């Protein structure tokens, strides 16, 4: 069980409702620097870690969707993420985005900050919930407008060795009002094989504009097989994904390596 909640639920709820209202009515941008379903994991107060998100689209789109875009096919993305526990329920995060083009050129792609809230809950059994608010600036290589925001709903349940989790994502640019907010729904189902290892599947689904959702056979849809384990005490998540629609990249590989650290 987590420590007693130090943030009043009413304050957090009002903040999330305000963020939701701001997200309705503008264009969206779905992040690809981290391919991850958010669960209930977070750093304890004062603890810190660094996640390295490593993604590669081995087979994917090679033509740009807008002027100046770097198409994802053949691109490697490397994103270090700093995680800092603030309270028993709040975590602060920061990303530095970079990529290696299909031609071998490395580029800086921007930076993001986020604040994640996970409500007090039993970390072994039952339901958990939370939310993550993220704001960042990206280069035109990865986003048609520079400033973007995302509000992510987090919910899941522990059922013995099984864990089910889901995210509802609302994305928008905050530097221009160029269209509707878009919706993304992601799922994860995994089974623990040992204290260090679990296997599972993840599903990533773009649903289109919030006020006019697209048919289910449109938008990017992808399914990943994933494994979580530890090597020399270092947590590692690895996965291979296949696109299920014409808009999705055909094959993608991902890895998240977590290095715990301390604050001096």
C-alpha atoms as a PDB file:
ATOM      1  CA  UNK A   1       0.000   0.000   0.000  1.00  0.00           C
ATOM      2  CA  UNK A   2       1.273   3.442  -0.829  1.00  0.00           C
ATOM      3  CA  UNK A   3       1.808   6.078   1.849  1.00  0.00           C
ATOM      4  CA  UNK A   4      -1.156   8.322   2.737  1.00  0.00           C
ATOM      5  CA  UNK A   5      -2.155  10.710   0.003  1.00  0.00           C
ATOM      6  CA  UNK A   6      -0.640  14.154   0.459  1.00  0.00           C
ATOM      7  CA  UNK A   7      -2.602  15.787  -2.372  1.00  0.00           C
ATOM      8  CA  UNK A   8      -6.278  16.572  -1.905  1.00  0.00           C
ATOM      9  CA  UNK A   9      -8.348  14.594  -4.484  1.00  0.00           C
ATOM     10  CA  UNK A  10     -10.575  17.605  -5.105  1.00  0.00           C
ATOM     11  CA  UNK A  11      -7.618  19.767  -6.115  1.00  0.00           C
ATOM     12  CA  UNK A  12      -6.280  17.097  -8.486  1.00  0.00           C
ATOM     13  CA  UNK A  13      -9.743  16.462  -9.948  1.00  0.00           C
ATOM     14  CA  UNK A  14     -10.326  20.153 -10.630  1.00  0.00           C
ATOM     15  CA  UNK A  15      -6.917  20.443 -12.297  1.00  0.00           C
ATOM     16  CA  UNK A  16      -7.607  17.466 -14.541  1.00  0.00           C
ATOM     17  CA  UNK A  17     -11.054  18.773 -15.510  1.00  0.00           C
ATOM     18  CA  UNK A  18      -9.528  22.150 -16.380  1.00  0.00           C
ATOM     19  CA  UNK A  19      -6.886  20.436 -18.521  1.00  0.00           C
ATOM     20  CA  UNK A  20      -9.572  18.385 -20.260  1.00  0.00           C
ATOM     21  CA  UNK A  21     -11.518  21.518 -21.114  1.00  0.00           C
ATOM     22  CA  UNK A  22      -8.422  23.173 -22.576  1.00  0.00           C
ATOM     23  CA  UNK A  23      -7.731  20.135 -24.747  1.00  0.00           C
ATOM     24  CA  UNK A  24     -11.104  20.231 -26.509  1.00  0.00           C
ATOM     25  CA  UNK A  25     -11.050  22.244 -29.686  1.00  0.00           C
ATOM     26  CA  UNK A  26      -7.551  22.136 -31.152  1.00  0.00           C
ATOM     27  CA  UNK A  27      -5.429  19.928 -33.372  1.00  0.00           C
ATOM     28  CA  UNK A  28      -3.583  16.929 -31.913  1.00  0.00           C
ATOM     29  CA  UNK A  29      -0.194  15.339 -32.245  1.00  0.00           C
ATOM     30  CA  UNK A  30       0.427  11.787 -31.023  1.00  0.00           C
ATOM     31  CA  UNK A  31       3.855  11.218 -29.526  1.00  0.00           C
ATOM     32  CA  UNK A  32       6.071   8.472 -30.946  1.00  0.00           C
ATOM     33  CA  UNK A  33       9.218   9.105 -28.890  1.00  0.00           C
ATOM     34  CA  UNK A  34       7.868   6.760 -26.196  1.00  0.00           C
ATOM     35  CA  UNK A  35       5.801   3.691 -27.079  1.00  0.00           C
ATOM     36  CA  UNK A  36       4.433   2.795 -23.680  1.00  0.00           C
ATOM     37  CA  UNK A  37       1.179   2.108 -21.845  1.00  0.00           C
ATOM     38  CA  UNK A  38       1.286   4.050 -18.578  1.00  0.00           C
ATOM     39  CA  UNK A  39       0.558   1.849 -15.540  1.00  0.00           C
ATOM     40  CA  UNK A  40       0.727   2.655 -11.813  1.00  0.00           C
ATOM     41  CA  UNK A  41       4.521   2.729 -11.510  1.00  0.00           C
ATOM     42  CA  UNK A  42       6.077   5.920 -10.140  1.00  0.00           C
ATOM     43  CA  UNK A  43       9.080   6.992  -8.101  1.00  0.00           C
ATOM     44  CA  UNK A  44       8.772   7.320  -4.320  1.00  0.00           C
ATOM     45  CA  UNK A  45       9.198  10.809  -2.808  1.00  0.00           C
ATOM     46  CA  UNK A  46      12.799  11.940  -3.297  1.00  0.00           C
ATOM     47  CA  UNK A  47      13.720   8.988  -5.515  1.00  0.00           C
ATOM     48  CA  UNK A  48      14.929   9.478  -9.078  1.00  0.00           C
ATOM     49  CA  UNK A  49      15.521   7.337 -12.164  1.00  0.00           C
ATOM     50  CA  UNK A  50      16.361   7.719 -15.836  1.00  0.00           C
ATOM     51  CA  UNK A  51      14.469   5.782 -18.528  1.00  0.00           C
ATOM     52  CA  UNK A  52      16.023   5.392 -21.966  1.00  0.00           C
ATOM     53  CA  UNK A  53      13.328   4.964 -24.644  1.00  0.00           C
ATOM     54  CA  UNK A  54      14.825   3.353 -27.766  1.00  0.00           C
ATOM     55  CA  UNK A  55      12.501   2.897 -30.761  1.00  0.00           C
ATOM     56  CA  UNK A  56      13.122   1.965 -34.390  1.00  0.00           C
ATOM     57  CA  UNK A  57      10.642   1.767 -37.263  1.00  0.00           C
ATOM     58  CA  UNK A  58      12.168  -1.028 -39.314  1.00  0.00           C
ATOM     59  CA  UNK A  59       9.435  -0.956 -41.970  1.00  0.00           C
ATOM     60  CA  UNK A  60       7.268   2.135 -42.268  1.00  0.00           C
ATOM     61  CA  UNK A  61       6.203   5.233 -44.157  1.00  0.00           C
ATOM     62  CA  UNK A  62       8.965   6.908 -46.203  1.00  0.00           C
ATOM     63  CA  UNK A  63       7.032   9.925 -47.520  1.00  0.00           C
ATOM     64  CA  UNK A  64       6.283  12.992 -45.342  1.00  0.00           C
ATOM     65  CA  UNK A  65       2.750  13.824 -44.203  1.00  0.00           C
ATOM     66  CA  UNK A  66       3.570  17.562 -44.125  1.00  0.00           C
ATOM     67  CA  UNK A  67       6.368  19.824 -45.357  1.00  0.00           C
ATOM     68  CA  UNK A  68       9.488  19.375 -43.245  1.00  0.00           C
ATOM     69  CA  UNK A  69       8.478  16.099 -41.587  1.00  0.00           C
ATOM     70  CA  UNK A  70      10.984  13.293 -41.101  1.00  0.00           C
ATOM     71  CA  UNK A  71       9.065  10.167 -42.213  1.00  0.00           C
ATOM     72  CA  UNK A  72       9.308   7.413 -39.597  1.00  0.00           C
ATOM     73  CA  UNK A  73      10.547   4.597 -41.859  1.00  0.00           C
ATOM     74  CA  UNK A  74      14.109   3.593 -40.930  1.00  0.00           C
ATOM     75  CA  UNK A  75      14.327   6.185 -38.122  1.00  0.00           C
ATOM     76  CA  UNK A  76      15.815   5.505 -34.667  1.00  0.00           C
ATOM     77  CA  UNK A  77      14.465   7.566 -31.769  1.00  0.00           C
ATOM     78  CA  UNK A  78      16.423   7.931 -28.531  1.00  0.00           C
ATOM     79  CA  UNK A  79      14.675   9.639 -25.612  1.00  0.00           C
ATOM     80  CA  UNK A  80      16.172   9.856 -22.114  1.00  0.00           C
ATOM     81  CA  UNK A  81      13.481  10.565 -19.501  1.00  0.00           C
ATOM     82  CA  UNK A  82      14.227  11.814 -15.982  1.00  0.00           C
ATOM     83  CA  UNK A  83      11.699  10.732 -13.328  1.00  0.00           C
ATOM     84  CA  UNK A  84      11.536  12.398  -9.891  1.00  0.00           C
ATOM     85  CA  UNK A  85       9.141  11.434  -7.094  1.00  0.00           C
ATOM     86  CA  UNK A  86       7.625  14.543  -5.491  1.00  0.00           C
ATOM     87  CA  UNK A  87       5.030  13.077  -3.113  1.00  0.00           C
ATOM     88  CA  UNK A  88       3.475   9.623  -2.571  1.00  0.00           C
ATOM     89  CA  UNK A  89       1.101  10.425  -5.453  1.00  0.00           C
ATOM     90  CA  UNK A  90       2.966  12.852  -7.753  1.00  0.00           C
ATOM     91  CA  UNK A  91       5.925  12.342 -10.097  1.00  0.00           C
ATOM     92  CA  UNK A  92       7.700  14.922 -12.239  1.00  0.00           C
ATOM     93  CA  UNK A  93       9.234  13.874 -15.544  1.00  0.00           C
ATOM     94  CA  UNK A  94      11.321  15.488 -18.289  1.00  0.00           C
ATOM     95  CA  UNK A  95      12.326  14.224 -21.757  1.00  0.00           C
ATOM     96  CA  UNK A  96      15.034  15.149 -24.256  1.00  0.00           C
ATOM     97  CA  UNK A  97      14.015  14.049 -27.770  1.00  0.00           C
ATOM     98  CA  UNK A  98      16.485  12.981 -30.459  1.00  0.00           C
ATOM     99  CA  UNK A  99      16.467  10.864 -33.601  1.00  0.00           C
ATOM    100  CA  UNK A 100      18.744   9.283 -36.186  1.00  0.00           C
ATOM    101  CA  UNK A 101      17.423   9.578 -39.740  1.00  0.00           C
ATOM    102  CA  UNK A 102      17.339   6.766 -42.263  1.00  0.00           C
ATOM    103  CA  UNK A 103      20.433   8.431 -43.795  1.00  0.00           C
ATOM    104  CA  UNK A 104      22.334   8.239 -40.489  1.00  0.00           C
ATOM    105  CA  UNK A 105      22.084  11.883 -39.358  1.00  0.00           C
ATOM    106  CA  UNK A 106      21.455  12.610 -35.650  1.00  0.00           C
ATOM    107  CA  UNK A 107      19.134  15.483 -34.719  1.00  0.00           C
ATOM    108  CA  UNK A 108      17.749  17.067 -31.541  1.00  0.00           C
ATOM    109  CA  UNK A 109      13.950  16.978 -31.712  1.00  0.00           C
ATOM    110  CA  UNK A 110      12.895  19.008 -28.661  1.00  0.00           C
ATOM    111  CA  UNK A 111      11.982  18.514 -25.006  1.00  0.00           C
ATOM    112  CA  UNK A 112       8.934  17.799 -22.842  1.00  0.00           C
ATOM    113  CA  UNK A 113       7.930  17.953 -19.178  1.00  0.00           C
ATOM    114  CA  UNK A 114       5.142  16.019 -17.479  1.00  0.00           C
ATOM    115  CA  UNK A 115       3.374  15.657 -14.143  1.00  0.00           C
ATOM    116  CA  UNK A 116       1.925  12.221 -13.273  1.00  0.00           C
ATOM    117  CA  UNK A 117      -0.632  11.578 -10.532  1.00  0.00           C
ATOM    118  CA  UNK A 118      -1.331   8.046  -9.280  1.00  0.00           C
ATOM    119  CA  UNK A 119      -4.017   7.785  -6.585  1.00  0.00           C
ATOM    120  CA  UNK A 120      -3.305   5.873  -3.403  1.00  0.00           C
ATOM    121  CA  UNK A 121      -4.060   2.180  -3.913  1.00  0.00           C
ATOM    122  CA  UNK A 122      -3.022  -1.365  -3.098  1.00  0.00           C
ATOM    123  CA  UNK A 123      -0.021  -2.080  -5.327  1.00  0.00           C
ATOM    124  CA  UNK A 124      -0.657  -5.848  -5.373  1.00  0.00           C
ATOM    125  CA  UNK A 125      -4.429  -6.193  -5.802  1.00  0.00           C
ATOM    126  CA  UNK A 126      -7.443  -4.389  -7.237  1.00  0.00           C
ATOM    127  CA  UNK A 127      -7.917  -1.200  -9.226  1.00  0.00           C
ATOM    128  CA  UNK A 128      -5.636   1.802  -9.689  1.00  0.00           C
ATOM    129  CA  UNK A 129      -6.152   5.114 -11.507  1.00  0.00           C
ATOM    130  CA  UNK A 130      -4.357   8.333 -12.278  1.00  0.00           C
ATOM    131  CA  UNK A 131      -3.518  10.899 -14.957  1.00  0.00           C
ATOM    132  CA  UNK A 132      -0.510  12.394 -16.717  1.00  0.00           C
ATOM    133  CA  UNK A 133      -0.302  15.936 -18.119  1.00  0.00           C
ATOM    134  CA  UNK A 134       2.530  16.608 -20.584  1.00  0.00           C
ATOM    135  CA  UNK A 135       3.667  19.750 -22.407  1.00  0.00           C
ATOM    136  CA  UNK A 136       6.591  20.079 -24.804  1.00  0.00           C
ATOM    137  CA  UNK A 137       8.233  21.772 -27.744  1.00  0.00           C
ATOM    138  CA  UNK A 138       9.235  19.718 -30.787  1.00  0.00           C
ATOM    139  CA  UNK A 139      11.060  20.375 -34.022  1.00  0.00           C
ATOM    140  CA  UNK A 140       9.199  20.410 -37.318  1.00  0.00           C
ATOM    141  CA  UNK A 141      10.796  17.041 -38.068  1.00  0.00           C
ATOM    142  CA  UNK A 142       8.363  15.398 -35.635  1.00  0.00           C
ATOM    143  CA  UNK A 143       5.411  17.819 -35.296  1.00  0.00           C
ATOM    144  CA  UNK A 144       3.699  20.280 -37.679  1.00  0.00           C
ATOM    145  CA  UNK A 145       3.529  22.903 -34.886  1.00  0.00           C
ATOM    146  CA  UNK A 146       6.151  23.333 -32.145  1.00  0.00           C
ATOM    147  CA  UNK A 147       4.182  23.377 -28.871  1.00  0.00           C
ATOM    148  CA  UNK A 148       2.003  20.377 -27.980  1.00  0.00           C
ATOM    149  CA  UNK A 149       0.158  19.026 -24.951  1.00  0.00           C
ATOM    150  CA  UNK A 150      -1.297  15.680 -23.926  1.00  0.00           C
ATOM    151  CA  UNK A 151      -3.664  14.633 -21.142  1.00  0.00           C
ATOM    152  CA  UNK A 152      -3.492  10.908 -20.410  1.00  0.00           C
ATOM    153  CA  UNK A 153      -6.025   9.025 -18.313  1.00  0.00           C
ATOM    154  CA  UNK A 154      -4.587   5.990 -16.517  1.00  0.00           C
ATOM    155  CA  UNK A 155      -6.605   3.040 -15.208  1.00  0.00           C
ATOM    156  CA  UNK A 156      -5.906  -0.632 -14.533  1.00  0.00           C
ATOM    157  CA  UNK A 157      -6.477  -3.668 -12.351  1.00  0.00           C
ATOM    158  CA  UNK A 158      -4.335  -6.370 -10.738  1.00  0.00           C
ATOM    159  CA  UNK A 159      -5.817  -9.874 -10.903  1.00  0.00           C
ATOM    160  CA  UNK A 160      -3.325 -12.261  -9.293  1.00  0.00           C
ATOM    161  CA  UNK A 161      -0.467 -12.721 -11.795  1.00  0.00           C
ATOM    162  CA  UNK A 162      -2.430 -10.757 -14.421  1.00  0.00           C
ATOM    163  CA  UNK A 163      -2.310  -6.999 -14.974  1.00  0.00           C
ATOM    164  CA  UNK A 164      -4.646  -5.075 -17.282  1.00  0.00           C
ATOM    165  CA  UNK A 165      -4.115  -1.379 -18.004  1.00  0.00           C
ATOM    166  CA  UNK A 166      -5.541   1.258 -20.319  1.00  0.00           C
ATOM    167  CA  UNK A 167      -4.806   4.868 -21.299  1.00  0.00           C
ATOM    168  CA  UNK A 168      -7.149   7.421 -22.835  1.00  0.00           C
ATOM    169  CA  UNK A 169      -5.032  10.122 -24.496  1.00  0.00           C
ATOM    170  CA  UNK A 170      -6.154  13.561 -25.668  1.00  0.00           C
ATOM    171  CA  UNK A 171      -3.527  15.400 -27.767  1.00  0.00           C
ATOM    172  CA  UNK A 172      -3.400  18.945 -29.116  1.00  0.00           C
ATOM    173  CA  UNK A 173      -1.000  21.642 -30.264  1.00  0.00           C
ATOM    174  CA  UNK A 174      -1.034  24.718 -28.027  1.00  0.00           C
ATOM    175  CA  UNK A 175       0.801  27.029 -30.441  1.00  0.00           C
ATOM    176  CA  UNK A 176      -1.951  27.054 -33.076  1.00  0.00           C
ATOM    177  CA  UNK A 177      -5.673  26.246 -33.331  1.00  0.00           C
ATOM    178  CA  UNK A 178      -5.612  24.233 -36.527  1.00  0.00           C
ATOM    179  CA  UNK A 179      -8.229  21.558 -36.068  1.00  0.00           C
ATOM    180  CA  UNK A 180      -9.820  19.137 -33.600  1.00  0.00           C
ATOM    181  CA  UNK A 181      -8.302  17.364 -30.619  1.00  0.00           C
ATOM    182  CA  UNK A 182      -7.547  13.742 -31.429  1.00  0.00           C
ATOM    183  CA  UNK A 183      -8.091  10.668 -29.296  1.00  0.00           C
ATOM    184  CA  UNK A 184      -5.854   7.685 -28.689  1.00  0.00           C
ATOM    185  CA  UNK A 185      -6.729   4.578 -26.654  1.00  0.00           C
ATOM    186  CA  UNK A 186      -3.981   2.173 -25.605  1.00  0.00           C
ATOM    187  CA  UNK A 187      -4.236  -1.155 -23.760  1.00  0.00           C
ATOM    188  CA  UNK A 188      -1.905  -3.602 -22.050  1.00  0.00           C
ATOM    189  CA  UNK A 189      -2.508  -7.127 -20.755  1.00  0.00           C
ATOM    190  CA  UNK A 190       0.405  -8.946 -19.116  1.00  0.00           C
ATOM    191  CA  UNK A 191       1.077 -11.979 -16.951  1.00  0.00           C
ATOM    192  CA  UNK A 192       3.782 -12.190 -14.305  1.00  0.00           C
ATOM    193  CA  UNK A 193       5.979 -15.274 -14.701  1.00  0.00           C
ATOM    194  CA  UNK A 194       8.347 -14.473 -11.830  1.00  0.00           C
ATOM    195  CA  UNK A 195       9.041 -11.491  -9.536  1.00  0.00           C
ATOM    196  CA  UNK A 196      11.300 -10.025 -12.253  1.00  0.00           C
ATOM    197  CA  UNK A 197       9.658 -11.146 -15.499  1.00  0.00           C
ATOM    198  CA  UNK A 198       6.295 -10.727 -17.212  1.00  0.00           C
ATOM    199  CA  UNK A 199       5.060 -11.099 -20.780  1.00  0.00           C
ATOM    200  CA  UNK A 200       2.135  -9.443 -22.487  1.00  0.00           C
ATOM    201  CA  UNK A 201       0.553  -7.629 -25.385  1.00  0.00           C
ATOM    202  CA  UNK A 202      -0.043  -3.926 -25.990  1.00  0.00           C
ATOM    203  CA  UNK A 203      -2.498  -2.309 -28.386  1.00  0.00           C
ATOM    204  CA  UNK A 204      -2.133   1.287 -29.660  1.00  0.00           C
ATOM    205  CA  UNK A 205      -5.134   2.832 -31.406  1.00  0.00           C
ATOM    206  CA  UNK A 206      -5.603   6.267 -32.984  1.00  0.00           C
ATOM    207  CA  UNK A 207      -9.330   7.076 -33.094  1.00  0.00           C
ATOM    208  CA  UNK A 208      -9.261  10.432 -34.870  1.00  0.00           C
ATOM    209  CA  UNK A 209     -10.872  13.765 -33.891  1.00  0.00           C
ATOM    210  CA  UNK A 210     -12.624  13.848 -30.517  1.00  0.00           C
ATOM    211  CA  UNK A 211     -15.849  15.301 -31.922  1.00  0.00           C
ATOM    212  CA  UNK A 212     -15.959  13.033 -34.964  1.00  0.00           C
ATOM    213  CA  UNK A 213     -14.256   9.703 -34.367  1.00  0.00           C
ATOM    214  CA  UNK A 214     -12.986   7.858 -37.431  1.00  0.00           C
ATOM    215  CA  UNK A 215     -14.117   4.343 -38.427  1.00  0.00           C
ATOM    216  CA  UNK A 216     -12.212   1.617 -36.598  1.00  0.00           C
ATOM    217  CA  UNK A 217     -10.418   0.515 -39.790  1.00  0.00           C
ATOM    218  CA  UNK A 218      -8.867   3.981 -40.187  1.00  0.00           C
ATOM    219  CA  UNK A 219      -6.027   5.640 -38.291  1.00  0.00           C
ATOM    220  CA  UNK A 220      -2.913   3.969 -36.976  1.00  0.00           C
ATOM    221  CA  UNK A 221      -3.537   0.705 -35.113  1.00  0.00           C
ATOM    222  CA  UNK A 222      -0.650  -1.457 -33.876  1.00  0.00           C
ATOM    223  CA  UNK A 223      -0.198  -4.545 -31.709  1.00  0.00           C
ATOM    224  CA  UNK A 224       2.992  -5.239 -29.722  1.00  0.00           C
ATOM    225  CA  UNK A 225       4.316  -8.360 -28.022  1.00  0.00           C
ATOM    226  CA  UNK A 226       6.265  -7.246 -24.946  1.00  0.00           C
ATOM    227  CA  UNK A 227       8.442  -8.663 -22.193  1.00  0.00           C
ATOM    228  CA  UNK A 228       9.518  -7.008 -18.931  1.00  0.00           C
ATOM    229  CA  UNK A 229      12.536  -8.407 -17.100  1.00  0.00           C
ATOM    230  CA  UNK A 230      15.770  -7.441 -15.358  1.00  0.00           C
ATOM    231  CA  UNK A 231      19.359  -7.881 -16.456  1.00  0.00           C
ATOM    232  CA  UNK A 232      21.995  -7.352 -13.750  1.00  0.00           C
ATOM    233  CA  UNK A 233      19.303  -5.634 -11.688  1.00  0.00           C
ATOM    234  CA  UNK A 234      18.410  -3.173 -14.468  1.00  0.00           C
ATOM    235  CA  UNK A 235      14.704  -3.201 -15.488  1.00  0.00           C
ATOM    236  CA  UNK A 236      14.182  -3.623 -19.231  1.00  0.00           C
ATOM    237  CA  UNK A 237      11.024  -3.617 -21.327  1.00  0.00           C
ATOM    238  CA  UNK A 238      11.315  -4.803 -24.930  1.00  0.00           C
ATOM    239  CA  UNK A 239       8.723  -5.264 -27.628  1.00  0.00           C
ATOM    240  CA  UNK A 240       8.042  -5.877 -31.290  1.00  0.00           C
ATOM    241  CA  UNK A 241       5.009  -4.293 -32.929  1.00  0.00           C
ATOM    242  CA  UNK A 242       3.127  -4.795 -36.172  1.00  0.00           C
ATOM    243  CA  UNK A 243       0.851  -2.247 -37.775  1.00  0.00           C
ATOM    244  CA  UNK A 244      -2.703  -3.435 -38.387  1.00  0.00           C
ATOM    245  CA  UNK A 245      -3.868  -0.638 -40.726  1.00  0.00           C
ATOM    246  CA  UNK A 246      -2.398   1.095 -43.769  1.00  0.00           C
ATOM    247  CA  UNK A 247      -1.735   4.247 -41.704  1.00  0.00           C
ATOM    248  CA  UNK A 248       0.405   2.356 -39.180  1.00  0.00           C
ATOM    249  CA  UNK A 249       4.110   1.576 -39.530  1.00  0.00           C
ATOM    250  CA  UNK A 250       4.446  -2.070 -40.530  1.00  0.00           C
ATOM    251  CA  UNK A 251       7.154  -3.154 -38.063  1.00  0.00           C
ATOM    252  CA  UNK A 252       8.540  -1.346 -34.999  1.00  0.00           C
ATOM    253  CA  UNK A 253      10.881  -2.461 -32.254  1.00  0.00           C
ATOM    254  CA  UNK A 254      11.108  -0.740 -28.873  1.00  0.00           C
ATOM    255  CA  UNK A 255      13.066  -0.939 -25.648  1.00  0.00           C
ATOM    256  CA  UNK A 256      12.885   0.937 -22.336  1.00  0.00           C
ATOM    257  CA  UNK A 257      15.890   0.643 -20.003  1.00  0.00           C
ATOM    258  CA  UNK A 258      15.559   2.099 -16.490  1.00  0.00           C
ATOM    259  CA  UNK A 259      18.549   3.227 -14.413  1.00  0.00           C
ATOM    260  CA  UNK A 260      17.702   4.097 -10.783  1.00  0.00           C
ATOM    261  CA  UNK A 261      19.718   6.847  -9.151  1.00  0.00           C
ATOM    262  CA  UNK A 262      19.667   8.950  -5.991  1.00  0.00           C
ATOM    263  CA  UNK A 263      19.514  12.628  -5.086  1.00  0.00           C
ATOM    264  CA  UNK A 264      22.535  13.901  -3.152  1.00  0.00           C
END
